[in-house]
Amino acid sequence: MARGEKLFHNAGCVACHAPRRGATEALSRVSVPLGEPEKKYSILGLTEFLLDPTKIRTSGRMPNLALGHEAASDIAQYLLR
């Protein structure tokens, strides 16, 4: 999870999404909410989404961050902890 948290910040996720902890109220208001991903995804499912977001959500706006499988899995574990 620690690697996933670091990657969440370094891979560009925080450009649109507030981090799980330490987000200010102002940042949380302007970011795209993640909601409760643990209710929608398994680690494998979220990993696959992070690897190629538009393959899963063809009309989605999330860009492909060119993550490798290990990085996508680490971020998924961080988000689903």
PDB file of N, CA and C in Angstrom:
ATOM      1  N   MET A   1       0.811  -1.199   0.000  1.00  0.00           N
ATOM      2  CA  MET A   1       0.000   0.000   0.000  1.00  0.00           C
ATOM      3  C   MET A   1       0.848   1.254   0.000  1.00  0.00           C
ATOM      4  N   ALA A   2       1.987   1.219   0.686  1.00  0.00           N
ATOM      5  CA  ALA A   2       2.857   2.400   0.733  1.00  0.00           C
ATOM      6  C   ALA A   2       3.347   2.764  -0.666  1.00  0.00           C
ATOM      7  N   ARG A   3       3.724   1.740  -1.453  1.00  0.00           N
ATOM      8  CA  ARG A   3       4.157   2.020  -2.837  1.00  0.00           C
ATOM      9  C   ARG A   3       2.990   2.586  -3.630  1.00  0.00           C
ATOM     10  N   GLY A   4       1.812   2.058  -3.425  1.00  0.00           N
ATOM     11  CA  GLY A   4       0.632   2.549  -4.130  1.00  0.00           C
ATOM     12  C   GLY A   4       0.320   3.990  -3.797  1.00  0.00           C
ATOM     13  N   GLU A   5       0.459   4.344  -2.531  1.00  0.00           N
ATOM     14  CA  GLU A   5       0.213   5.735  -2.128  1.00  0.00           C
ATOM     15  C   GLU A   5       1.228   6.660  -2.795  1.00  0.00           C
ATOM     16  N   LYS A   6       2.485   6.259  -2.809  1.00  0.00           N
ATOM     17  CA  LYS A   6       3.522   7.071  -3.452  1.00  0.00           C
ATOM     18  C   LYS A   6       3.248   7.199  -4.949  1.00  0.00           C
ATOM     19  N   LEU A   7       2.884   6.088  -5.583  1.00  0.00           N
ATOM     20  CA  LEU A   7       2.573   6.121  -7.012  1.00  0.00           C
ATOM     21  C   LEU A   7       1.343   6.973  -7.297  1.00  0.00           C
ATOM     22  N   PHE A   8       0.352   6.935  -6.435  1.00  0.00           N
ATOM     23  CA  PHE A   8      -0.858   7.745  -6.600  1.00  0.00           C
ATOM     24  C   PHE A   8      -0.479   9.211  -6.742  1.00  0.00           C
ATOM     25  N   HIS A   9       0.517   9.632  -5.971  1.00  0.00           N
ATOM     26  CA  HIS A   9       0.971  11.020  -6.031  1.00  0.00           C
ATOM     27  C   HIS A   9       1.912  11.271  -7.208  1.00  0.00           C
ATOM     28  N   ASN A  10       2.768  10.315  -7.518  1.00  0.00           N
ATOM     29  CA  ASN A  10       3.790  10.537  -8.547  1.00  0.00           C
ATOM     30  C   ASN A  10       3.324  10.225  -9.963  1.00  0.00           C
ATOM     31  N   ALA A  11       2.355   9.346 -10.125  1.00  0.00           N
ATOM     32  CA  ALA A  11       1.919   8.951 -11.469  1.00  0.00           C
ATOM     33  C   ALA A  11       0.940   9.944 -12.081  1.00  0.00           C
ATOM     34  N   GLY A  12       0.438  10.867 -11.274  1.00  0.00           N
ATOM     35  CA  GLY A  12      -0.465  11.882 -11.798  1.00  0.00           C
ATOM     36  C   GLY A  12      -1.902  11.763 -11.340  1.00  0.00           C
ATOM     37  N   CYS A  13      -2.222  10.781 -10.518  1.00  0.00           N
ATOM     38  CA  CYS A  13      -3.599  10.591 -10.051  1.00  0.00           C
ATOM     39  C   CYS A  13      -4.116  11.832  -9.310  1.00  0.00           C
ATOM     40  N   VAL A  14      -3.236  12.461  -8.536  1.00  0.00           N
ATOM     41  CA  VAL A  14      -3.660  13.609  -7.733  1.00  0.00           C
ATOM     42  C   VAL A  14      -3.921  14.848  -8.581  1.00  0.00           C
ATOM     43  N   ALA A  15      -3.626  14.794  -9.869  1.00  0.00           N
ATOM     44  CA  ALA A  15      -3.979  15.912 -10.736  1.00  0.00           C
ATOM     45  C   ALA A  15      -5.496  16.071 -10.805  1.00  0.00           C
ATOM     46  N   CYS A  16      -6.219  14.958 -10.629  1.00  0.00           N
ATOM     47  CA  CYS A  16      -7.679  14.992 -10.687  1.00  0.00           C
ATOM     48  C   CYS A  16      -8.362  14.512  -9.410  1.00  0.00           C
ATOM     49  N   HIS A  17      -7.687  13.626  -8.657  1.00  0.00           N
ATOM     50  CA  HIS A  17      -8.296  13.003  -7.475  1.00  0.00           C
ATOM     51  C   HIS A  17      -7.550  13.394  -6.210  1.00  0.00           C
ATOM     52  N   ALA A  18      -8.313  13.726  -5.164  1.00  0.00           N
ATOM     53  CA  ALA A  18      -7.708  14.034  -3.867  1.00  0.00           C
ATOM     54  C   ALA A  18      -7.161  12.741  -3.264  1.00  0.00           C
ATOM     55  N   PRO A  19      -6.038  12.838  -2.552  1.00  0.00           N
ATOM     56  CA  PRO A  19      -5.512  11.644  -1.882  1.00  0.00           C
ATOM     57  C   PRO A  19      -6.469  11.174  -0.799  1.00  0.00           C
ATOM     58  N   ARG A  20      -6.318   9.906  -0.407  1.00  0.00           N
ATOM     59  CA  ARG A  20      -7.202   9.315   0.592  1.00  0.00           C
ATOM     60  C   ARG A  20      -7.053   9.966   1.964  1.00  0.00           C
ATOM     61  N   ARG A  21      -5.874  10.436   2.275  1.00  0.00           N
ATOM     62  CA  ARG A  21      -5.688  11.108   3.571  1.00  0.00           C
ATOM     63  C   ARG A  21      -4.889  12.378   3.346  1.00  0.00           C
ATOM     64  N   GLY A  22      -5.119  13.343   4.178  1.00  0.00           N
ATOM     65  CA  GLY A  22      -4.377  14.588   4.095  1.00  0.00           C
ATOM     66  C   GLY A  22      -4.941  15.596   3.111  1.00  0.00           C
ATOM     67  N   ALA A  23      -6.078  15.303   2.499  1.00  0.00           N
ATOM     68  CA  ALA A  23      -6.671  16.245   1.550  1.00  0.00           C
ATOM     69  C   ALA A  23      -7.396  17.343   2.313  1.00  0.00           C
ATOM     70  N   THR A  24      -7.193  18.546   1.867  1.00  0.00           N
ATOM     71  CA  THR A  24      -7.918  19.658   2.474  1.00  0.00           C
ATOM     72  C   THR A  24      -9.351  19.642   1.957  1.00  0.00           C
ATOM     73  N   GLU A  25     -10.223  20.314   2.658  1.00  0.00           N
ATOM     74  CA  GLU A  25     -11.625  20.387   2.233  1.00  0.00           C
ATOM     75  C   GLU A  25     -11.727  21.063   0.872  1.00  0.00           C
ATOM     76  N   ALA A  26     -10.927  22.108   0.637  1.00  0.00           N
ATOM     77  CA  ALA A  26     -10.956  22.812  -0.644  1.00  0.00           C
ATOM     78  C   ALA A  26     -10.528  21.893  -1.781  1.00  0.00           C
ATOM     79  N   LEU A  27      -9.476  21.103  -1.567  1.00  0.00           N
ATOM     80  CA  LEU A  27      -9.008  20.174  -2.592  1.00  0.00           C
ATOM     81  C   LEU A  27     -10.055  19.103  -2.861  1.00  0.00           C
ATOM     82  N   SER A  28     -10.685  18.628  -1.822  1.00  0.00           N
ATOM     83  CA  SER A  28     -11.707  17.597  -1.981  1.00  0.00           C
ATOM     84  C   SER A  28     -12.897  18.108  -2.797  1.00  0.00           C
ATOM     85  N   ARG A  29     -13.209  19.400  -2.679  1.00  0.00           N
ATOM     86  CA  ARG A  29     -14.350  19.970  -3.413  1.00  0.00           C
ATOM     87  C   ARG A  29     -14.081  20.077  -4.907  1.00  0.00           C
ATOM     88  N   VAL A  30     -12.838  20.315  -5.305  1.00  0.00           N
ATOM     89  CA  VAL A  30     -12.541  20.521  -6.724  1.00  0.00           C
ATOM     90  C   VAL A  30     -12.025  19.267  -7.415  1.00  0.00           C
ATOM     91  N   SER A  31     -11.763  18.229  -6.678  1.00  0.00           N
ATOM     92  CA  SER A  31     -11.244  16.999  -7.284  1.00  0.00           C
ATOM     93  C   SER A  31     -12.394  16.102  -7.739  1.00  0.00           C
ATOM     94  N   VAL A  32     -12.072  15.190  -8.634  1.00  0.00           N
ATOM     95  CA  VAL A  32     -13.040  14.192  -9.079  1.00  0.00           C
ATOM     96  C   VAL A  32     -13.147  13.159  -7.959  1.00  0.00           C
ATOM     97  N   PRO A  33     -14.325  12.994  -7.379  1.00  0.00           N
ATOM     98  CA  PRO A  33     -14.441  12.077  -6.242  1.00  0.00           C
ATOM     99  C   PRO A  33     -14.228  10.625  -6.654  1.00  0.00           C
ATOM    100  N   LEU A  34     -13.529   9.900  -5.797  1.00  0.00           N
ATOM    101  CA  LEU A  34     -13.325   8.468  -6.017  1.00  0.00           C
ATOM    102  C   LEU A  34     -14.481   7.656  -5.467  1.00  0.00           C
ATOM    103  N   GLY A  35     -15.239   8.262  -4.590  1.00  0.00           N
ATOM    104  CA  GLY A  35     -16.350   7.535  -3.980  1.00  0.00           C
ATOM    105  C   GLY A  35     -15.828   6.413  -3.101  1.00  0.00           C
ATOM    106  N   GLU A  36     -16.445   5.279  -3.211  1.00  0.00           N
ATOM    107  CA  GLU A  36     -16.047   4.099  -2.454  1.00  0.00           C
ATOM    108  C   GLU A  36     -15.678   2.991  -3.437  1.00  0.00           C
ATOM    109  N   PRO A  37     -14.470   3.057  -3.984  1.00  0.00           N
ATOM    110  CA  PRO A  37     -14.104   2.075  -5.006  1.00  0.00           C
ATOM    111  C   PRO A  37     -14.160   0.629  -4.510  1.00  0.00           C
ATOM    112  N   GLU A  38     -14.034   0.424  -3.211  1.00  0.00           N
ATOM    113  CA  GLU A  38     -14.089  -0.935  -2.671  1.00  0.00           C
ATOM    114  C   GLU A  38     -15.469  -1.564  -2.858  1.00  0.00           C
ATOM    115  N   LYS A  39     -16.474  -0.749  -3.109  1.00  0.00           N
ATOM    116  CA  LYS A  39     -17.819  -1.273  -3.359  1.00  0.00           C
ATOM    117  C   LYS A  39     -18.035  -1.602  -4.840  1.00  0.00           C
ATOM    118  N   LYS A  40     -17.136  -1.109  -5.697  1.00  0.00           N
ATOM    119  CA  LYS A  40     -17.300  -1.305  -7.137  1.00  0.00           C
ATOM    120  C   LYS A  40     -16.275  -2.247  -7.747  1.00  0.00           C
ATOM    121  N   TYR A  41     -15.113  -2.362  -7.114  1.00  0.00           N
ATOM    122  CA  TYR A  41     -14.001  -3.074  -7.729  1.00  0.00           C
ATOM    123  C   TYR A  41     -13.368  -4.095  -6.797  1.00  0.00           C
ATOM    124  N   SER A  42     -12.791  -5.110  -7.406  1.00  0.00           N
ATOM    125  CA  SER A  42     -11.847  -5.996  -6.721  1.00  0.00           C
ATOM    126  C   SER A  42     -10.461  -5.439  -7.049  1.00  0.00           C
ATOM    127  N   ILE A  43      -9.427  -5.953  -6.399  1.00  0.00           N
ATOM    128  CA  ILE A  43      -8.075  -5.489  -6.720  1.00  0.00           C
ATOM    129  C   ILE A  43      -7.758  -5.793  -8.179  1.00  0.00           C
ATOM    130  N   LEU A  44      -8.109  -6.977  -8.632  1.00  0.00           N
ATOM    131  CA  LEU A  44      -7.849  -7.338 -10.026  1.00  0.00           C
ATOM    132  C   LEU A  44      -8.625  -6.435 -10.987  1.00  0.00           C
ATOM    133  N   GLY A  45      -9.888  -6.191 -10.697  1.00  0.00           N
ATOM    134  CA  GLY A  45     -10.716  -5.344 -11.560  1.00  0.00           C
ATOM    135  C   GLY A  45     -10.205  -3.916 -11.638  1.00  0.00           C
ATOM    136  N   LEU A  46      -9.830  -3.344 -10.501  1.00  0.00           N
ATOM    137  CA  LEU A  46      -9.320  -1.974 -10.499  1.00  0.00           C
ATOM    138  C   LEU A  46      -7.952  -1.912 -11.170  1.00  0.00           C
ATOM    139  N   THR A  47      -7.135  -2.937 -10.979  1.00  0.00           N
ATOM    140  CA  THR A  47      -5.838  -2.992 -11.657  1.00  0.00           C
ATOM    141  C   THR A  47      -6.040  -2.965 -13.162  1.00  0.00           C
ATOM    142  N   GLU A  48      -6.954  -3.771 -13.667  1.00  0.00           N
ATOM    143  CA  GLU A  48      -7.233  -3.801 -15.107  1.00  0.00           C
ATOM    144  C   GLU A  48      -7.736  -2.452 -15.594  1.00  0.00           C
ATOM    145  N   PHE A  49      -8.588  -1.799 -14.815  1.00  0.00           N
ATOM    146  CA  PHE A  49      -9.081  -0.467 -15.179  1.00  0.00           C
ATOM    147  C   PHE A  49      -7.931   0.530 -15.258  1.00  0.00           C
ATOM    148  N   LEU A  50      -7.047   0.515 -14.261  1.00  0.00           N
ATOM    149  CA  LEU A  50      -5.932   1.459 -14.237  1.00  0.00           C
ATOM    150  C   LEU A  50      -4.951   1.227 -15.381  1.00  0.00           C
ATOM    151  N   LEU A  51      -4.849   0.005 -15.848  1.00  0.00           N
ATOM    152  CA  LEU A  51      -3.954  -0.292 -16.966  1.00  0.00           C
ATOM    153  C   LEU A  51      -4.453   0.311 -18.276  1.00  0.00           C
ATOM    154  N   ASP A  52      -5.768   0.368 -18.466  1.00  0.00           N
ATOM    155  CA  ASP A  52      -6.332   0.901 -19.703  1.00  0.00           C
ATOM    156  C   ASP A  52      -7.748   1.400 -19.437  1.00  0.00           C
ATOM    157  N   PRO A  53      -7.884   2.594 -18.854  1.00  0.00           N
ATOM    158  CA  PRO A  53      -9.196   3.093 -18.427  1.00  0.00           C
ATOM    159  C   PRO A  53     -10.246   3.157 -19.539  1.00  0.00           C
ATOM    160  N   THR A  54      -9.854   3.550 -20.748  1.00  0.00           N
ATOM    161  CA  THR A  54     -10.859   3.696 -21.804  1.00  0.00           C
ATOM    162  C   THR A  54     -11.294   2.359 -22.391  1.00  0.00           C
ATOM    163  N   LYS A  55     -10.557   1.303 -22.123  1.00  0.00           N
ATOM    164  CA  LYS A  55     -10.991  -0.025 -22.546  1.00  0.00           C
ATOM    165  C   LYS A  55     -12.206  -0.454 -21.717  1.00  0.00           C
ATOM    166  N   ILE A  56     -12.179  -0.096 -20.444  1.00  0.00           N
ATOM    167  CA  ILE A  56     -13.268  -0.451 -19.531  1.00  0.00           C
ATOM    168  C   ILE A  56     -14.416   0.553 -19.654  1.00  0.00           C
ATOM    169  N   ARG A  57     -14.079   1.839 -19.658  1.00  0.00           N
ATOM    170  CA  ARG A  57     -15.065   2.921 -19.752  1.00  0.00           C
ATOM    171  C   ARG A  57     -14.787   3.703 -21.026  1.00  0.00           C
ATOM    172  N   THR A  58     -15.381   3.274 -22.116  1.00  0.00           N
ATOM    173  CA  THR A  58     -15.052   3.855 -23.422  1.00  0.00           C
ATOM    174  C   THR A  58     -15.346   5.349 -23.519  1.00  0.00           C
ATOM    175  N   SER A  59     -16.300   5.841 -22.757  1.00  0.00           N
ATOM    176  CA  SER A  59     -16.614   7.269 -22.809  1.00  0.00           C
ATOM    177  C   SER A  59     -15.998   8.028 -21.639  1.00  0.00           C
ATOM    178  N   GLY A  60     -15.123   7.375 -20.901  1.00  0.00           N
ATOM    179  CA  GLY A  60     -14.503   8.009 -19.735  1.00  0.00           C
ATOM    180  C   GLY A  60     -13.475   9.056 -20.107  1.00  0.00           C
ATOM    181  N   ARG A  61     -13.148   9.900 -19.157  1.00  0.00           N
ATOM    182  CA  ARG A  61     -12.180  10.967 -19.388  1.00  0.00           C
ATOM    183  C   ARG A  61     -10.816  10.679 -18.781  1.00  0.00           C
ATOM    184  N   MET A  62     -10.714   9.589 -18.029  1.00  0.00           N
ATOM    185  CA  MET A  62      -9.438   9.291 -17.396  1.00  0.00           C
ATOM    186  C   MET A  62      -8.414   8.883 -18.453  1.00  0.00           C
ATOM    187  N   PRO A  63      -7.270   9.542 -18.449  1.00  0.00           N
ATOM    188  CA  PRO A  63      -6.249   9.201 -19.439  1.00  0.00           C
ATOM    189  C   PRO A  63      -5.527   7.913 -19.074  1.00  0.00           C
ATOM    190  N   ASN A  64      -4.917   7.296 -20.054  1.00  0.00           N
ATOM    191  CA  ASN A  64      -4.074   6.140 -19.819  1.00  0.00           C
ATOM    192  C   ASN A  64      -2.755   6.671 -19.265  1.00  0.00           C
ATOM    193  N   LEU A  65      -2.409   6.291 -18.061  1.00  0.00           N
ATOM    194  CA  LEU A  65      -1.200   6.789 -17.409  1.00  0.00           C
ATOM    195  C   LEU A  65       0.020   5.935 -17.722  1.00  0.00           C
ATOM    196  N   ALA A  66      -0.144   4.967 -18.611  1.00  0.00           N
ATOM    197  CA  ALA A  66       0.960   4.086 -19.028  1.00  0.00           C
ATOM    198  C   ALA A  66       1.612   3.403 -17.830  1.00  0.00           C
ATOM    199  N   LEU A  67       0.767   2.908 -16.932  1.00  0.00           N
ATOM    200  CA  LEU A  67       1.252   2.198 -15.757  1.00  0.00           C
ATOM    201  C   LEU A  67       1.591   0.765 -16.127  1.00  0.00           C
ATOM    202  N   GLY A  68       2.596   0.238 -15.505  1.00  0.00           N
ATOM    203  CA  GLY A  68       2.868  -1.184 -15.616  1.00  0.00           C
ATOM    204  C   GLY A  68       1.926  -1.943 -14.693  1.00  0.00           C
ATOM    205  N   HIS A  69       1.888  -3.265 -14.857  1.00  0.00           N
ATOM    206  CA  HIS A  69       0.961  -4.071 -14.059  1.00  0.00           C
ATOM    207  C   HIS A  69       1.230  -3.936 -12.562  1.00  0.00           C
ATOM    208  N   GLU A  70       2.491  -3.957 -12.164  1.00  0.00           N
ATOM    209  CA  GLU A  70       2.819  -3.860 -10.739  1.00  0.00           C
ATOM    210  C   GLU A  70       2.398  -2.510 -10.171  1.00  0.00           C
ATOM    211  N   ALA A  71       2.648  -1.428 -10.898  1.00  0.00           N
ATOM    212  CA  ALA A  71       2.263  -0.090 -10.427  1.00  0.00           C
ATOM    213  C   ALA A  71       0.745   0.028 -10.328  1.00  0.00           C
ATOM    214  N   ALA A  72       0.034  -0.469 -11.335  1.00  0.00           N
ATOM    215  CA  ALA A  72      -1.434  -0.413 -11.300  1.00  0.00           C
ATOM    216  C   ALA A  72      -1.975  -1.215 -10.124  1.00  0.00           C
ATOM    217  N   SER A  73      -1.396  -2.370  -9.871  1.00  0.00           N
ATOM    218  CA  SER A  73      -1.812  -3.198  -8.743  1.00  0.00           C
ATOM    219  C   SER A  73      -1.527  -2.509  -7.409  1.00  0.00           C
ATOM    220  N   ASP A  74      -0.384  -1.864  -7.305  1.00  0.00           N
ATOM    221  CA  ASP A  74      -0.037  -1.149  -6.074  1.00  0.00           C
ATOM    222  C   ASP A  74      -1.028  -0.020  -5.809  1.00  0.00           C
ATOM    223  N   ILE A  75      -1.386   0.736  -6.841  1.00  0.00           N
ATOM    224  CA  ILE A  75      -2.343   1.823  -6.672  1.00  0.00           C
ATOM    225  C   ILE A  75      -3.708   1.255  -6.304  1.00  0.00           C
ATOM    226  N   ALA A  76      -4.118   0.164  -6.935  1.00  0.00           N
ATOM    227  CA  ALA A  76      -5.394  -0.472  -6.619  1.00  0.00           C
ATOM    228  C   ALA A  76      -5.426  -0.899  -5.155  1.00  0.00           C
ATOM    229  N   GLN A  77      -4.342  -1.470  -4.681  1.00  0.00           N
ATOM    230  CA  GLN A  77      -4.289  -1.895  -3.269  1.00  0.00           C
ATOM    231  C   GLN A  77      -4.383  -0.693  -2.336  1.00  0.00           C
ATOM    232  N   TYR A  78      -3.740   0.413  -2.713  1.00  0.00           N
ATOM    233  CA  TYR A  78      -3.817   1.639  -1.907  1.00  0.00           C
ATOM    234  C   TYR A  78      -5.265   2.146  -1.849  1.00  0.00           C
ATOM    235  N   LEU A  79      -5.949   2.147  -2.979  1.00  0.00           N
ATOM    236  CA  LEU A  79      -7.309   2.680  -3.025  1.00  0.00           C
ATOM    237  C   LEU A  79      -8.329   1.760  -2.382  1.00  0.00           C
ATOM    238  N   LEU A  80      -8.068   0.470  -2.384  1.00  0.00           N
ATOM    239  CA  LEU A  80      -9.037  -0.494  -1.854  1.00  0.00           C
ATOM    240  C   LEU A  80      -8.709  -0.989  -0.444  1.00  0.00           C
ATOM    241  N   ARG A  81      -7.699  -0.476   0.154  1.00  0.00           N
ATOM    242  CA  ARG A  81      -7.242  -0.979   1.457  1.00  0.00           C
ATOM    243  C   ARG A  81      -8.329  -1.304   2.438  1.00  0.00           C
TER     244      ARG A  81
END
